Amino acid sequence: MTYVVTDNCIGCKYTDCVDVCPVDCFYEGENMLVIRPDECIDCGVCEPECPADAIRADTEPDMEKWVAFNQKYSEVWPVIYEAKEPLPDADAQDGKDDKLTTIFSENPAQQAA
């Protein structure tokens, strides 16, 4: 089993999960996070920390697409080691439908200079 980030993270990018992850397996895109499935140690400490309820176990129904999605973007986005402020409109974006097709960005997060 592994954990993955799903579409409700898009537009929110709460990073509470990053602070509790013991193996630094979160990767940061412009407007969401993903987990590298082969680095996740299945501890589950991140799941209850997500205010957007966007982290799921891969054993839940229909998670295969999210495992592949997380793997793909974790290979091209930078690792995130510490929590940051959520996106400015995170609360408004939480729970909205169709964020994957309407606002998802494939761009990596901007790295601090």
PDB file of N, CA and C in Angstrom:
ATOM      1  N   MET A   1       0.845  -1.183   0.000  1.00  0.00           N
ATOM      2  CA  MET A   1       0.000   0.000   0.000  1.00  0.00           C
ATOM      3  C   MET A   1       0.889   1.244   0.000  1.00  0.00           C
ATOM      4  N   THR A   2       0.358   2.277  -0.598  1.00  0.00           N
ATOM      5  CA  THR A   2       0.991   3.596  -0.580  1.00  0.00           C
ATOM      6  C   THR A   2      -0.111   4.630  -0.484  1.00  0.00           C
ATOM      7  N   TYR A   3       0.265   5.848  -0.229  1.00  0.00           N
ATOM      8  CA  TYR A   3      -0.681   6.956  -0.205  1.00  0.00           C
ATOM      9  C   TYR A   3      -0.415   7.844  -1.404  1.00  0.00           C
ATOM     10  N   VAL A   4      -1.481   8.488  -1.900  1.00  0.00           N
ATOM     11  CA  VAL A   4      -1.369   9.383  -3.039  1.00  0.00           C
ATOM     12  C   VAL A   4      -2.197  10.635  -2.788  1.00  0.00           C
ATOM     13  N   VAL A   5      -1.840  11.685  -3.501  1.00  0.00           N
ATOM     14  CA  VAL A   5      -2.582  12.934  -3.433  1.00  0.00           C
ATOM     15  C   VAL A   5      -3.568  12.954  -4.597  1.00  0.00           C
ATOM     16  N   THR A   6      -4.793  13.354  -4.311  1.00  0.00           N
ATOM     17  CA  THR A   6      -5.833  13.399  -5.335  1.00  0.00           C
ATOM     18  C   THR A   6      -6.177  14.845  -5.686  1.00  0.00           C
ATOM     19  N   ASP A   7      -7.162  15.003  -6.550  1.00  0.00           N
ATOM     20  CA  ASP A   7      -7.468  16.296  -7.152  1.00  0.00           C
ATOM     21  C   ASP A   7      -7.921  17.391  -6.194  1.00  0.00           C
ATOM     22  N   ASN A   8      -8.367  17.072  -5.001  1.00  0.00           N
ATOM     23  CA  ASN A   8      -8.794  18.173  -4.136  1.00  0.00           C
ATOM     24  C   ASN A   8      -7.622  19.023  -3.649  1.00  0.00           C
ATOM     25  N   CYS A   9      -6.400  18.543  -3.801  1.00  0.00           N
ATOM     26  CA  CYS A   9      -5.232  19.355  -3.448  1.00  0.00           C
ATOM     27  C   CYS A   9      -5.023  20.501  -4.446  1.00  0.00           C
ATOM     28  N   ILE A  10      -5.491  20.318  -5.654  1.00  0.00           N
ATOM     29  CA  ILE A  10      -5.300  21.329  -6.698  1.00  0.00           C
ATOM     30  C   ILE A  10      -5.947  22.648  -6.272  1.00  0.00           C
ATOM     31  N   GLY A  11      -5.169  23.709  -6.354  1.00  0.00           N
ATOM     32  CA  GLY A  11      -5.660  25.027  -6.003  1.00  0.00           C
ATOM     33  C   GLY A  11      -5.618  25.323  -4.515  1.00  0.00           C
ATOM     34  N   CYS A  12      -5.315  24.329  -3.705  1.00  0.00           N
ATOM     35  CA  CYS A  12      -5.225  24.516  -2.250  1.00  0.00           C
ATOM     36  C   CYS A  12      -3.766  24.478  -1.815  1.00  0.00           C
ATOM     37  N   LYS A  13      -3.123  23.341  -2.059  1.00  0.00           N
ATOM     38  CA  LYS A  13      -1.724  23.097  -1.720  1.00  0.00           C
ATOM     39  C   LYS A  13      -1.420  23.405  -0.258  1.00  0.00           C
ATOM     40  N   TYR A  14      -2.259  22.820   0.603  1.00  0.00           N
ATOM     41  CA  TYR A  14      -1.925  22.854   2.027  1.00  0.00           C
ATOM     42  C   TYR A  14      -0.704  21.950   2.204  1.00  0.00           C
ATOM     43  N   THR A  15       0.202  22.310   3.052  1.00  0.00           N
ATOM     44  CA  THR A  15       1.430  21.522   3.199  1.00  0.00           C
ATOM     45  C   THR A  15       1.612  20.959   4.609  1.00  0.00           C
ATOM     46  N   ASP A  16       0.536  20.849   5.348  1.00  0.00           N
ATOM     47  CA  ASP A  16       0.594  20.267   6.684  1.00  0.00           C
ATOM     48  C   ASP A  16       1.186  18.854   6.634  1.00  0.00           C
ATOM     49  N   CYS A  17       0.899  18.145   5.555  1.00  0.00           N
ATOM     50  CA  CYS A  17       1.368  16.772   5.362  1.00  0.00           C
ATOM     51  C   CYS A  17       2.894  16.694   5.270  1.00  0.00           C
ATOM     52  N   VAL A  18       3.501  17.712   4.728  1.00  0.00           N
ATOM     53  CA  VAL A  18       4.952  17.720   4.515  1.00  0.00           C
ATOM     54  C   VAL A  18       5.695  17.677   5.853  1.00  0.00           C
ATOM     55  N   ASP A  19       5.203  18.425   6.823  1.00  0.00           N
ATOM     56  CA  ASP A  19       5.873  18.478   8.128  1.00  0.00           C
ATOM     57  C   ASP A  19       5.866  17.153   8.871  1.00  0.00           C
ATOM     58  N   VAL A  20       4.890  16.300   8.625  1.00  0.00           N
ATOM     59  CA  VAL A  20       4.815  15.036   9.368  1.00  0.00           C
ATOM     60  C   VAL A  20       5.433  13.859   8.615  1.00  0.00           C
ATOM     61  N   CYS A  21       5.741  14.027   7.350  1.00  0.00           N
ATOM     62  CA  CYS A  21       6.284  12.924   6.548  1.00  0.00           C
ATOM     63  C   CYS A  21       7.716  12.591   6.988  1.00  0.00           C
ATOM     64  N   PRO A  22       7.954  11.354   7.417  1.00  0.00           N
ATOM     65  CA  PRO A  22       9.296  11.003   7.890  1.00  0.00           C
ATOM     66  C   PRO A  22      10.304  10.716   6.773  1.00  0.00           C
ATOM     67  N   VAL A  23       9.842  10.639   5.523  1.00  0.00           N
ATOM     68  CA  VAL A  23      10.766  10.276   4.436  1.00  0.00           C
ATOM     69  C   VAL A  23      10.832  11.298   3.305  1.00  0.00           C
ATOM     70  N   ASP A  24      10.215  12.450   3.457  1.00  0.00           N
ATOM     71  CA  ASP A  24      10.269  13.503   2.436  1.00  0.00           C
ATOM     72  C   ASP A  24       9.883  12.993   1.052  1.00  0.00           C
ATOM     73  N   CYS A  25       8.700  12.392   0.954  1.00  0.00           N
ATOM     74  CA  CYS A  25       8.267  11.857  -0.346  1.00  0.00           C
ATOM     75  C   CYS A  25       7.234  12.734  -1.042  1.00  0.00           C
ATOM     76  N   PHE A  26       7.081  13.989  -0.593  1.00  0.00           N
ATOM     77  CA  PHE A  26       6.174  14.923  -1.255  1.00  0.00           C
ATOM     78  C   PHE A  26       6.941  15.775  -2.261  1.00  0.00           C
ATOM     79  N   TYR A  27       6.294  16.030  -3.386  1.00  0.00           N
ATOM     80  CA  TYR A  27       6.870  16.825  -4.461  1.00  0.00           C
ATOM     81  C   TYR A  27       5.882  17.928  -4.800  1.00  0.00           C
ATOM     82  N   GLU A  28       6.428  19.085  -5.191  1.00  0.00           N
ATOM     83  CA  GLU A  28       5.610  20.285  -5.279  1.00  0.00           C
ATOM     84  C   GLU A  28       5.462  20.815  -6.698  1.00  0.00           C
ATOM     85  N   GLY A  29       4.210  20.898  -7.104  1.00  0.00           N
ATOM     86  CA  GLY A  29       3.873  21.564  -8.348  1.00  0.00           C
ATOM     87  C   GLY A  29       3.431  22.986  -8.074  1.00  0.00           C
ATOM     88  N   GLU A  30       3.139  23.695  -9.126  1.00  0.00           N
ATOM     89  CA  GLU A  30       2.728  25.089  -8.998  1.00  0.00           C
ATOM     90  C   GLU A  30       1.480  25.238  -8.125  1.00  0.00           C
ATOM     91  N   ASN A  31       0.513  24.314  -8.289  1.00  0.00           N
ATOM     92  CA  ASN A  31      -0.709  24.471  -7.497  1.00  0.00           C
ATOM     93  C   ASN A  31      -1.200  23.194  -6.807  1.00  0.00           C
ATOM     94  N   MET A  32      -0.291  22.237  -6.577  1.00  0.00           N
ATOM     95  CA  MET A  32      -0.637  21.047  -5.796  1.00  0.00           C
ATOM     96  C   MET A  32       0.619  20.286  -5.408  1.00  0.00           C
ATOM     97  N   LEU A  33       0.453  19.287  -4.570  1.00  0.00           N
ATOM     98  CA  LEU A  33       1.525  18.382  -4.177  1.00  0.00           C
ATOM     99  C   LEU A  33       1.217  16.992  -4.699  1.00  0.00           C
ATOM    100  N   VAL A  34       2.243  16.158  -4.801  1.00  0.00           N
ATOM    101  CA  VAL A  34       2.070  14.731  -5.074  1.00  0.00           C
ATOM    102  C   VAL A  34       3.022  13.950  -4.170  1.00  0.00           C
ATOM    103  N   ILE A  35       2.757  12.675  -4.048  1.00  0.00           N
ATOM    104  CA  ILE A  35       3.607  11.762  -3.285  1.00  0.00           C
ATOM    105  C   ILE A  35       4.285  10.816  -4.267  1.00  0.00           C
ATOM    106  N   ARG A  36       5.574  10.591  -4.097  1.00  0.00           N
ATOM    107  CA  ARG A  36       6.246   9.594  -4.925  1.00  0.00           C
ATOM    108  C   ARG A  36       5.919   8.213  -4.341  1.00  0.00           C
ATOM    109  N   PRO A  37       5.117   7.421  -5.049  1.00  0.00           N
ATOM    110  CA  PRO A  37       4.642   6.153  -4.498  1.00  0.00           C
ATOM    111  C   PRO A  37       5.743   5.189  -4.062  1.00  0.00           C
ATOM    112  N   ASP A  38       6.845   5.138  -4.796  1.00  0.00           N
ATOM    113  CA  ASP A  38       7.897   4.188  -4.433  1.00  0.00           C
ATOM    114  C   ASP A  38       8.780   4.675  -3.284  1.00  0.00           C
ATOM    115  N   GLU A  39       8.566   5.896  -2.816  1.00  0.00           N
ATOM    116  CA  GLU A  39       9.280   6.408  -1.648  1.00  0.00           C
ATOM    117  C   GLU A  39       8.408   6.392  -0.393  1.00  0.00           C
ATOM    118  N   CYS A  40       7.104   6.373  -0.568  1.00  0.00           N
ATOM    119  CA  CYS A  40       6.171   6.376   0.551  1.00  0.00           C
ATOM    120  C   CYS A  40       6.339   5.071   1.337  1.00  0.00           C
ATOM    121  N   ILE A  41       6.429   5.200   2.662  1.00  0.00           N
ATOM    122  CA  ILE A  41       6.607   4.008   3.501  1.00  0.00           C
ATOM    123  C   ILE A  41       5.288   3.545   4.116  1.00  0.00           C
ATOM    124  N   ASP A  42       4.194   4.071   3.632  1.00  0.00           N
ATOM    125  CA  ASP A  42       2.859   3.626   4.025  1.00  0.00           C
ATOM    126  C   ASP A  42       2.542   3.845   5.498  1.00  0.00           C
ATOM    127  N   CYS A  43       3.138   4.837   6.103  1.00  0.00           N
ATOM    128  CA  CYS A  43       2.909   5.073   7.531  1.00  0.00           C
ATOM    129  C   CYS A  43       1.549   5.714   7.793  1.00  0.00           C
ATOM    130  N   GLY A  44       1.043   6.482   6.827  1.00  0.00           N
ATOM    131  CA  GLY A  44      -0.277   7.077   6.949  1.00  0.00           C
ATOM    132  C   GLY A  44      -0.375   8.327   7.796  1.00  0.00           C
ATOM    133  N   VAL A  45       0.734   8.846   8.295  1.00  0.00           N
ATOM    134  CA  VAL A  45       0.648  10.027   9.160  1.00  0.00           C
ATOM    135  C   VAL A  45       0.216  11.278   8.397  1.00  0.00           C
ATOM    136  N   CYS A  46       0.404  11.297   7.098  1.00  0.00           N
ATOM    137  CA  CYS A  46       0.036  12.470   6.299  1.00  0.00           C
ATOM    138  C   CYS A  46      -1.470  12.587   6.075  1.00  0.00           C
ATOM    139  N   GLU A  47      -2.132  11.469   5.972  1.00  0.00           N
ATOM    140  CA  GLU A  47      -3.550  11.477   5.599  1.00  0.00           C
ATOM    141  C   GLU A  47      -4.427  12.328   6.522  1.00  0.00           C
ATOM    142  N   PRO A  48      -4.365  12.161   7.841  1.00  0.00           N
ATOM    143  CA  PRO A  48      -5.229  12.986   8.701  1.00  0.00           C
ATOM    144  C   PRO A  48      -4.789  14.447   8.799  1.00  0.00           C
ATOM    145  N   GLU A  49      -3.581  14.773   8.346  1.00  0.00           N
ATOM    146  CA  GLU A  49      -3.088  16.147   8.422  1.00  0.00           C
ATOM    147  C   GLU A  49      -3.587  17.032   7.290  1.00  0.00           C
ATOM    148  N   CYS A  50      -4.121  16.445   6.240  1.00  0.00           N
ATOM    149  CA  CYS A  50      -4.550  17.213   5.069  1.00  0.00           C
ATOM    150  C   CYS A  50      -5.903  17.877   5.308  1.00  0.00           C
ATOM    151  N   PRO A  51      -5.942  19.220   5.403  1.00  0.00           N
ATOM    152  CA  PRO A  51      -7.206  19.918   5.625  1.00  0.00           C
ATOM    153  C   PRO A  51      -8.200  19.746   4.472  1.00  0.00           C
ATOM    154  N   ALA A  52      -7.685  19.443   3.281  1.00  0.00           N
ATOM    155  CA  ALA A  52      -8.547  19.290   2.108  1.00  0.00           C
ATOM    156  C   ALA A  52      -8.986  17.846   1.889  1.00  0.00           C
ATOM    157  N   ASP A  53      -8.551  16.935   2.749  1.00  0.00           N
ATOM    158  CA  ASP A  53      -8.900  15.515   2.609  1.00  0.00           C
ATOM    159  C   ASP A  53      -8.533  14.992   1.213  1.00  0.00           C
ATOM    160  N   ALA A  54      -7.342  15.370   0.750  1.00  0.00           N
ATOM    161  CA  ALA A  54      -6.906  15.018  -0.601  1.00  0.00           C
ATOM    162  C   ALA A  54      -5.960  13.828  -0.647  1.00  0.00           C
ATOM    163  N   ILE A  55      -5.559  13.287   0.490  1.00  0.00           N
ATOM    164  CA  ILE A  55      -4.621  12.165   0.524  1.00  0.00           C
ATOM    165  C   ILE A  55      -5.399  10.887   0.773  1.00  0.00           C
ATOM    166  N   ARG A  56      -5.166   9.900  -0.081  1.00  0.00           N
ATOM    167  CA  ARG A  56      -5.896   8.636  -0.020  1.00  0.00           C
ATOM    168  C   ARG A  56      -4.938   7.452  -0.107  1.00  0.00           C
ATOM    169  N   ALA A  57      -5.356   6.348   0.466  1.00  0.00           N
ATOM    170  CA  ALA A  57      -4.618   5.095   0.324  1.00  0.00           C
ATOM    171  C   ALA A  57      -4.882   4.525  -1.061  1.00  0.00           C
ATOM    172  N   ASP A  58      -3.876   3.915  -1.657  1.00  0.00           N
ATOM    173  CA  ASP A  58      -4.058   3.364  -2.997  1.00  0.00           C
ATOM    174  C   ASP A  58      -4.963   2.139  -3.010  1.00  0.00           C
ATOM    175  N   THR A  59      -5.365   1.660  -1.846  1.00  0.00           N
ATOM    176  CA  THR A  59      -6.266   0.502  -1.771  1.00  0.00           C
ATOM    177  C   THR A  59      -7.730   0.902  -1.921  1.00  0.00           C
ATOM    178  N   GLU A  60      -8.021   2.201  -1.910  1.00  0.00           N
ATOM    179  CA  GLU A  60      -9.393   2.660  -2.123  1.00  0.00           C
ATOM    180  C   GLU A  60      -9.764   2.471  -3.597  1.00  0.00           C
ATOM    181  N   PRO A  61     -11.038   2.386  -3.908  1.00  0.00           N
ATOM    182  CA  PRO A  61     -11.466   2.172  -5.297  1.00  0.00           C
ATOM    183  C   PRO A  61     -10.982   3.283  -6.240  1.00  0.00           C
ATOM    184  N   ASP A  62     -10.626   2.897  -7.441  1.00  0.00           N
ATOM    185  CA  ASP A  62     -10.253   3.816  -8.524  1.00  0.00           C
ATOM    186  C   ASP A  62      -9.031   4.677  -8.244  1.00  0.00           C
ATOM    187  N   MET A  63      -8.098   4.164  -7.476  1.00  0.00           N
ATOM    188  CA  MET A  63      -6.893   4.936  -7.156  1.00  0.00           C
ATOM    189  C   MET A  63      -5.743   4.683  -8.129  1.00  0.00           C
ATOM    190  N   GLU A  64      -5.880   3.721  -9.026  1.00  0.00           N
ATOM    191  CA  GLU A  64      -4.796   3.414  -9.959  1.00  0.00           C
ATOM    192  C   GLU A  64      -4.373   4.642 -10.759  1.00  0.00           C
ATOM    193  N   LYS A  65      -5.344   5.435 -11.206  1.00  0.00           N
ATOM    194  CA  LYS A  65      -5.016   6.632 -11.996  1.00  0.00           C
ATOM    195  C   LYS A  65      -4.248   7.645 -11.147  1.00  0.00           C
ATOM    196  N   TRP A  66      -4.546   7.718  -9.842  1.00  0.00           N
ATOM    197  CA  TRP A  66      -3.854   8.664  -8.983  1.00  0.00           C
ATOM    198  C   TRP A  66      -2.455   8.189  -8.624  1.00  0.00           C
ATOM    199  N   VAL A  67      -2.263   6.882  -8.551  1.00  0.00           N
ATOM    200  CA  VAL A  67      -0.910   6.356  -8.339  1.00  0.00           C
ATOM    201  C   VAL A  67      -0.043   6.744  -9.532  1.00  0.00           C
ATOM    202  N   ALA A  68      -0.552   6.523 -10.740  1.00  0.00           N
ATOM    203  CA  ALA A  68       0.198   6.879 -11.953  1.00  0.00           C
ATOM    204  C   ALA A  68       0.427   8.389 -12.028  1.00  0.00           C
ATOM    205  N   PHE A  69      -0.570   9.185 -11.696  1.00  0.00           N
ATOM    206  CA  PHE A  69      -0.474  10.638 -11.707  1.00  0.00           C
ATOM    207  C   PHE A  69       0.615  11.104 -10.730  1.00  0.00           C
ATOM    208  N   ASN A  70       0.589  10.588  -9.499  1.00  0.00           N
ATOM    209  CA  ASN A  70       1.584  10.961  -8.502  1.00  0.00           C
ATOM    210  C   ASN A  70       2.981  10.543  -8.931  1.00  0.00           C
ATOM    211  N   GLN A  71       3.109   9.359  -9.504  1.00  0.00           N
ATOM    212  CA  GLN A  71       4.421   8.898  -9.968  1.00  0.00           C
ATOM    213  C   GLN A  71       4.959   9.820 -11.059  1.00  0.00           C
ATOM    214  N   LYS A  72       4.107  10.129 -12.022  1.00  0.00           N
ATOM    215  CA  LYS A  72       4.522  10.976 -13.149  1.00  0.00           C
ATOM    216  C   LYS A  72       5.057  12.332 -12.692  1.00  0.00           C
ATOM    217  N   TYR A  73       4.288  13.020 -11.859  1.00  0.00           N
ATOM    218  CA  TYR A  73       4.688  14.368 -11.481  1.00  0.00           C
ATOM    219  C   TYR A  73       5.779  14.391 -10.411  1.00  0.00           C
ATOM    220  N   SER A  74       5.874  13.351  -9.604  1.00  0.00           N
ATOM    221  CA  SER A  74       6.964  13.313  -8.614  1.00  0.00           C
ATOM    222  C   SER A  74       8.318  13.129  -9.291  1.00  0.00           C
ATOM    223  N   GLU A  75       8.311  12.672 -10.517  1.00  0.00           N
ATOM    224  CA  GLU A  75       9.561  12.508 -11.260  1.00  0.00           C
ATOM    225  C   GLU A  75      10.054  13.811 -11.888  1.00  0.00           C
ATOM    226  N   VAL A  76       9.186  14.820 -11.968  1.00  0.00           N
ATOM    227  CA  VAL A  76       9.583  16.073 -12.619  1.00  0.00           C
ATOM    228  C   VAL A  76       9.465  17.302 -11.724  1.00  0.00           C
ATOM    229  N   TRP A  77       8.762  17.197 -10.616  1.00  0.00           N
ATOM    230  CA  TRP A  77       8.621  18.313  -9.691  1.00  0.00           C
ATOM    231  C   TRP A  77       9.662  18.204  -8.586  1.00  0.00           C
ATOM    232  N   PRO A  78      10.024  19.325  -7.960  1.00  0.00           N
ATOM    233  CA  PRO A  78      11.015  19.291  -6.874  1.00  0.00           C
ATOM    234  C   PRO A  78      10.411  18.755  -5.572  1.00  0.00           C
ATOM    235  N   VAL A  79      11.270  18.124  -4.788  1.00  0.00           N
ATOM    236  CA  VAL A  79      10.849  17.647  -3.470  1.00  0.00           C
ATOM    237  C   VAL A  79      10.603  18.857  -2.571  1.00  0.00           C
ATOM    238  N   ILE A  80       9.653  18.737  -1.669  1.00  0.00           N
ATOM    239  CA  ILE A  80       9.370  19.793  -0.699  1.00  0.00           C
ATOM    240  C   ILE A  80       9.699  19.236   0.682  1.00  0.00           C
ATOM    241  N   TYR A  81      10.492  19.973   1.440  1.00  0.00           N
ATOM    242  CA  TYR A  81      10.987  19.494   2.734  1.00  0.00           C
ATOM    243  C   TYR A  81      10.295  20.102   3.942  1.00  0.00           C
ATOM    244  N   GLU A  82       9.646  21.251   3.760  1.00  0.00           N
ATOM    245  CA  GLU A  82       9.005  21.886   4.906  1.00  0.00           C
ATOM    246  C   GLU A  82       7.727  22.581   4.468  1.00  0.00           C
ATOM    247  N   ALA A  83       6.831  22.733   5.416  1.00  0.00           N
ATOM    248  CA  ALA A  83       5.535  23.338   5.130  1.00  0.00           C
ATOM    249  C   ALA A  83       5.679  24.790   4.698  1.00  0.00           C
ATOM    250  N   LYS A  84       4.739  25.210   3.872  1.00  0.00           N
ATOM    251  CA  LYS A  84       4.649  26.586   3.390  1.00  0.00           C
ATOM    252  C   LYS A  84       3.208  27.034   3.583  1.00  0.00           C
ATOM    253  N   GLU A  85       2.975  28.291   3.347  1.00  0.00           N
ATOM    254  CA  GLU A  85       1.604  28.793   3.388  1.00  0.00           C
ATOM    255  C   GLU A  85       0.807  28.170   2.232  1.00  0.00           C
ATOM    256  N   PRO A  86      -0.480  27.887   2.438  1.00  0.00           N
ATOM    257  CA  PRO A  86      -1.300  27.389   1.324  1.00  0.00           C
ATOM    258  C   PRO A  86      -1.476  28.480   0.270  1.00  0.00           C
ATOM    259  N   LEU A  87      -2.018  28.099  -0.854  1.00  0.00           N
ATOM    260  CA  LEU A  87      -2.290  29.087  -1.899  1.00  0.00           C
ATOM    261  C   LEU A  87      -3.315  30.106  -1.386  1.00  0.00           C
ATOM    262  N   PRO A  88      -3.277  31.330  -1.885  1.00  0.00           N
ATOM    263  CA  PRO A  88      -4.132  32.400  -1.355  1.00  0.00           C
ATOM    264  C   PRO A  88      -5.632  32.092  -1.351  1.00  0.00           C
ATOM    265  N   ASP A  89      -6.111  31.361  -2.350  1.00  0.00           N
ATOM    266  CA  ASP A  89      -7.548  31.053  -2.411  1.00  0.00           C
ATOM    267  C   ASP A  89      -7.835  29.592  -2.047  1.00  0.00           C
ATOM    268  N   ALA A  90      -6.986  29.010  -1.211  1.00  0.00           N
ATOM    269  CA  ALA A  90      -7.115  27.592  -0.842  1.00  0.00           C
ATOM    270  C   ALA A  90      -8.487  27.259  -0.266  1.00  0.00           C
ATOM    271  N   ASP A  91      -8.953  28.052   0.658  1.00  0.00           N
ATOM    272  CA  ASP A  91     -10.248  27.753   1.281  1.00  0.00           C
ATOM    273  C   ASP A  91     -11.386  27.785   0.260  1.00  0.00           C
ATOM    274  N   ALA A  92     -11.329  28.702  -0.666  1.00  0.00           N
ATOM    275  CA  ALA A  92     -12.367  28.802  -1.692  1.00  0.00           C
ATOM    276  C   ALA A  92     -12.300  27.639  -2.677  1.00  0.00           C
ATOM    277  N   GLN A  93     -11.095  27.117  -2.927  1.00  0.00           N
ATOM    278  CA  GLN A  93     -10.928  26.016  -3.878  1.00  0.00           C
ATOM    279  C   GLN A  93     -11.246  24.648  -3.272  1.00  0.00           C
ATOM    280  N   ASP A  94     -11.180  24.537  -1.959  1.00  0.00           N
ATOM    281  CA  ASP A  94     -11.406  23.262  -1.279  1.00  0.00           C
ATOM    282  C   ASP A  94     -12.789  22.715  -1.605  1.00  0.00           C
ATOM    283  N   GLY A  95     -12.819  21.513  -2.175  1.00  0.00           N
ATOM    284  CA  GLY A  95     -14.073  20.838  -2.475  1.00  0.00           C
ATOM    285  C   GLY A  95     -14.675  21.129  -3.836  1.00  0.00           C
ATOM    286  N   LYS A  96     -14.097  22.028  -4.608  1.00  0.00           N
ATOM    287  CA  LYS A  96     -14.638  22.324  -5.934  1.00  0.00           C
ATOM    288  C   LYS A  96     -14.451  21.123  -6.861  1.00  0.00           C
ATOM    289  N   ASP A  97     -15.346  20.969  -7.800  1.00  0.00           N
ATOM    290  CA  ASP A  97     -15.302  19.873  -8.773  1.00  0.00           C
ATOM    291  C   ASP A  97     -14.471  20.251  -9.991  1.00  0.00           C
ATOM    292  N   ASP A  98     -13.988  19.233 -10.690  1.00  0.00           N
ATOM    293  CA  ASP A  98     -13.319  19.373 -11.990  1.00  0.00           C
ATOM    294  C   ASP A  98     -12.059  20.222 -11.967  1.00  0.00           C
ATOM    295  N   LYS A  99     -11.362  20.280 -10.860  1.00  0.00           N
ATOM    296  CA  LYS A  99     -10.141  21.083 -10.793  1.00  0.00           C
ATOM    297  C   LYS A  99      -9.032  20.508 -11.664  1.00  0.00           C
ATOM    298  N   LEU A 100      -9.045  19.198 -11.873  1.00  0.00           N
ATOM    299  CA  LEU A 100      -8.018  18.582 -12.717  1.00  0.00           C
ATOM    300  C   LEU A 100      -8.115  19.102 -14.151  1.00  0.00           C
ATOM    301  N   THR A 101      -9.307  19.309 -14.644  1.00  0.00           N
ATOM    302  CA  THR A 101      -9.470  19.769 -16.025  1.00  0.00           C
ATOM    303  C   THR A 101      -9.544  21.289 -16.150  1.00  0.00           C
ATOM    304  N   THR A 102      -9.805  21.992 -15.043  1.00  0.00           N
ATOM    305  CA  THR A 102      -9.984  23.437 -15.157  1.00  0.00           C
ATOM    306  C   THR A 102      -8.814  24.279 -14.656  1.00  0.00           C
ATOM    307  N   ILE A 103      -8.145  23.859 -13.563  1.00  0.00           N
ATOM    308  CA  ILE A 103      -7.088  24.729 -13.032  1.00  0.00           C
ATOM    309  C   ILE A 103      -5.759  24.027 -12.767  1.00  0.00           C
ATOM    310  N   PHE A 104      -5.678  22.726 -12.974  1.00  0.00           N
ATOM    311  CA  PHE A 104      -4.423  22.012 -12.712  1.00  0.00           C
ATOM    312  C   PHE A 104      -3.292  22.564 -13.583  1.00  0.00           C
ATOM    313  N   SER A 105      -2.124  22.740 -12.971  1.00  0.00           N
ATOM    314  CA  SER A 105      -0.929  23.176 -13.687  1.00  0.00           C
ATOM    315  C   SER A 105       0.140  22.078 -13.633  1.00  0.00           C
ATOM    316  N   GLU A 106       0.702  21.738 -14.769  1.00  0.00           N
ATOM    317  CA  GLU A 106       1.789  20.772 -14.833  1.00  0.00           C
ATOM    318  C   GLU A 106       3.125  21.384 -14.422  1.00  0.00           C
ATOM    319  N   ASN A 107       3.170  22.682 -14.240  1.00  0.00           N
ATOM    320  CA  ASN A 107       4.415  23.372 -13.919  1.00  0.00           C
ATOM    321  C   ASN A 107       4.906  23.013 -12.522  1.00  0.00           C
ATOM    322  N   PRO A 108       6.211  22.906 -12.361  1.00  0.00           N
ATOM    323  CA  PRO A 108       6.769  22.695 -11.024  1.00  0.00           C
ATOM    324  C   PRO A 108       6.633  23.975 -10.200  1.00  0.00           C
ATOM    325  N   ALA A 109       6.756  23.832  -8.893  1.00  0.00           N
ATOM    326  CA  ALA A 109       6.731  24.995  -8.023  1.00  0.00           C
ATOM    327  C   ALA A 109       7.944  25.866  -8.293  1.00  0.00           C
ATOM    328  N   GLN A 110       7.788  27.145  -8.079  1.00  0.00           N
ATOM    329  CA  GLN A 110       8.902  28.078  -8.180  1.00  0.00           C
ATOM    330  C   GLN A 110       9.800  27.863  -6.972  1.00  0.00           C
ATOM    331  N   GLN A 111      11.056  27.687  -7.194  1.00  0.00           N
ATOM    332  CA  GLN A 111      12.018  27.479  -6.105  1.00  0.00           C
ATOM    333  C   GLN A 111      12.509  28.820  -5.580  1.00  0.00           C
ATOM    334  N   ALA A 112      12.614  28.914  -4.271  1.00  0.00           N
ATOM    335  CA  ALA A 112      13.117  30.145  -3.651  1.00  0.00           C
ATOM    336  C   ALA A 112      14.583  30.347  -4.025  1.00  0.00           C
ATOM    337  N   ALA A 113      14.934  31.579  -4.237  1.00  0.00           N
ATOM    338  CA  ALA A 113      16.305  31.880  -4.633  1.00  0.00           C
ATOM    339  C   ALA A 113      17.245  31.874  -3.458  1.00  0.00           C
TER     340      ALA A 113
END
